[in-house]
Protein backbone atom coordinates (compact mmCIF):
# COMPACT_ATOMS: atom_id res chain seq x y z
CA MET A 1 -0.01 0.02 0.03
CA ARG A 2 2.84 2.43 0.83
CA ILE A 3 4.47 1.77 -2.52
CA PHE A 4 1.16 2.53 -4.33
CA VAL A 5 0.80 5.80 -2.52
CA ARG A 6 4.35 6.85 -3.26
CA LEU A 7 3.89 5.93 -6.98
CA LEU A 8 0.67 7.88 -7.04
CA ILE A 9 2.38 10.94 -5.54
CA ALA A 10 5.21 10.71 -8.03
CA VAL A 11 3.04 10.20 -11.21
CA ALA A 12 0.00 12.46 -10.39
CA PRO A 13 1.62 15.73 -11.48
CA LEU A 14 2.74 14.20 -14.73
CA LEU A 15 -0.71 12.82 -15.50
CA LEU A 16 -2.31 16.17 -14.67
CA ALA A 17 0.25 18.00 -16.91
CA LEU A 18 -0.38 15.54 -19.76
CA MET A 19 -4.12 15.95 -19.42
CA PHE A 20 -3.70 19.73 -19.56
CA ALA A 21 -1.54 19.37 -22.70
CA TRP A 22 -4.05 17.00 -24.36
CA ARG A 23 -6.92 19.43 -23.56
CA MET A 24 -4.98 22.31 -25.18
CA ALA A 25 -4.36 20.23 -28.18
CA GLN A 26 -8.05 19.30 -28.51
CA ASN A 27 -9.01 22.97 -28.72
CA GLY A 28 -6.75 23.43 -31.68
CA ASP A 29 -4.91 26.28 -29.94
CA LYS A 30 -1.45 27.19 -30.81
CA ASP A 31 -0.94 27.79 -27.06
CA ILE A 32 0.18 24.22 -26.55
CA VAL A 33 3.51 25.76 -25.68
CA LEU A 34 2.00 26.73 -22.36
CA ALA A 35 1.97 23.09 -21.49
CA ILE A 36 5.79 22.65 -21.74
CA PRO A 37 6.71 24.11 -18.27
CA PRO A 38 4.18 21.97 -16.36
CA VAL A 39 5.38 18.85 -18.20
CA VAL A 40 9.09 19.70 -17.50
CA TRP A 41 8.19 20.46 -13.91
CA SER A 42 6.36 17.15 -13.42
CA LEU A 43 9.08 15.05 -15.12
CA THR A 44 11.68 16.63 -12.90
CA PHE A 45 9.51 16.09 -9.89
CA LEU A 46 9.04 12.47 -10.81
CA VAL A 47 12.73 11.70 -11.38
CA SER A 48 13.82 13.51 -8.13
CA PHE A 49 11.05 11.98 -6.10
CA VAL A 50 12.14 8.46 -7.22
CA VAL A 51 15.79 9.16 -6.60
CA LEU A 52 14.99 10.48 -3.10
CA TRP A 53 12.75 7.46 -2.45
CA TRP A 54 15.62 5.19 -3.47
CA ARG A 55 17.86 7.07 -0.97
CA LYS A 56 15.22 6.22 1.78
CA LEU A 57 13.95 9.73 2.62
CA THR A 58 10.51 10.20 4.11
CA PRO A 59 7.62 10.95 1.77
CA GLY A 60 7.21 14.53 3.28
CA ARG A 61 10.81 15.37 2.72
CA SER A 62 10.81 13.79 -0.75
CA ILE A 63 7.89 15.83 -1.84
CA GLY A 64 9.39 19.12 -0.57
CA ILE A 65 12.82 18.62 -1.92
CA SER A 66 11.46 17.35 -5.28
CA ALA A 67 9.19 20.36 -5.61
CA ALA A 68 12.01 22.73 -4.86
CA ILE A 69 14.26 21.06 -7.37
CA ALA A 70 11.55 21.04 -10.15
CA THR A 71 10.56 24.63 -9.45
CA GLY A 72 14.23 25.77 -9.46
CA LEU A 73 14.76 24.03 -12.78
CA VAL A 74 11.74 25.61 -14.41
CA VAL A 75 12.51 29.07 -13.09
CA ILE A 76 16.14 28.99 -14.11
CA SER A 77 15.32 27.56 -17.58
CA THR A 78 12.63 30.22 -18.16
CA VAL A 79 14.97 32.98 -17.13
CA LEU A 80 17.69 31.59 -19.41
CA LEU A 81 15.25 31.35 -22.19
CA PHE A 82 14.17 35.00 -21.87
CA VAL A 83 17.82 36.12 -21.70
CA TRP A 84 18.80 34.02 -24.73
CA SER A 85 15.88 35.24 -26.71
CA SER A 86 16.57 38.96 -25.89
CA TRP A 87 20.21 38.42 -26.74
CA LEU A 88 19.28 36.99 -30.23
CA ARG A 89 17.11 39.94 -30.83
CA PHE A 90 20.03 42.39 -30.43
CA TRP A 91 22.65 40.32 -32.08
């Protein structure tokens, strides 16, 4: 039972992000790009949660650390993307 709960915690954000992306694609919007950050966040969360689970951390600490890692990655990549795109504009 504990393994099922941990797997559900690890996979739930990814499932929600993919449902969001699928819903955006169904509408025919070109805003599917908006689904990329949640998918990247959820994949990072999944990988870091499994690694921390393997390292025998408690579920609460695993969730907190995984969320911090995933959020940091998305924020840093977004900032770098904006800096890179503004640099290309002036080059």
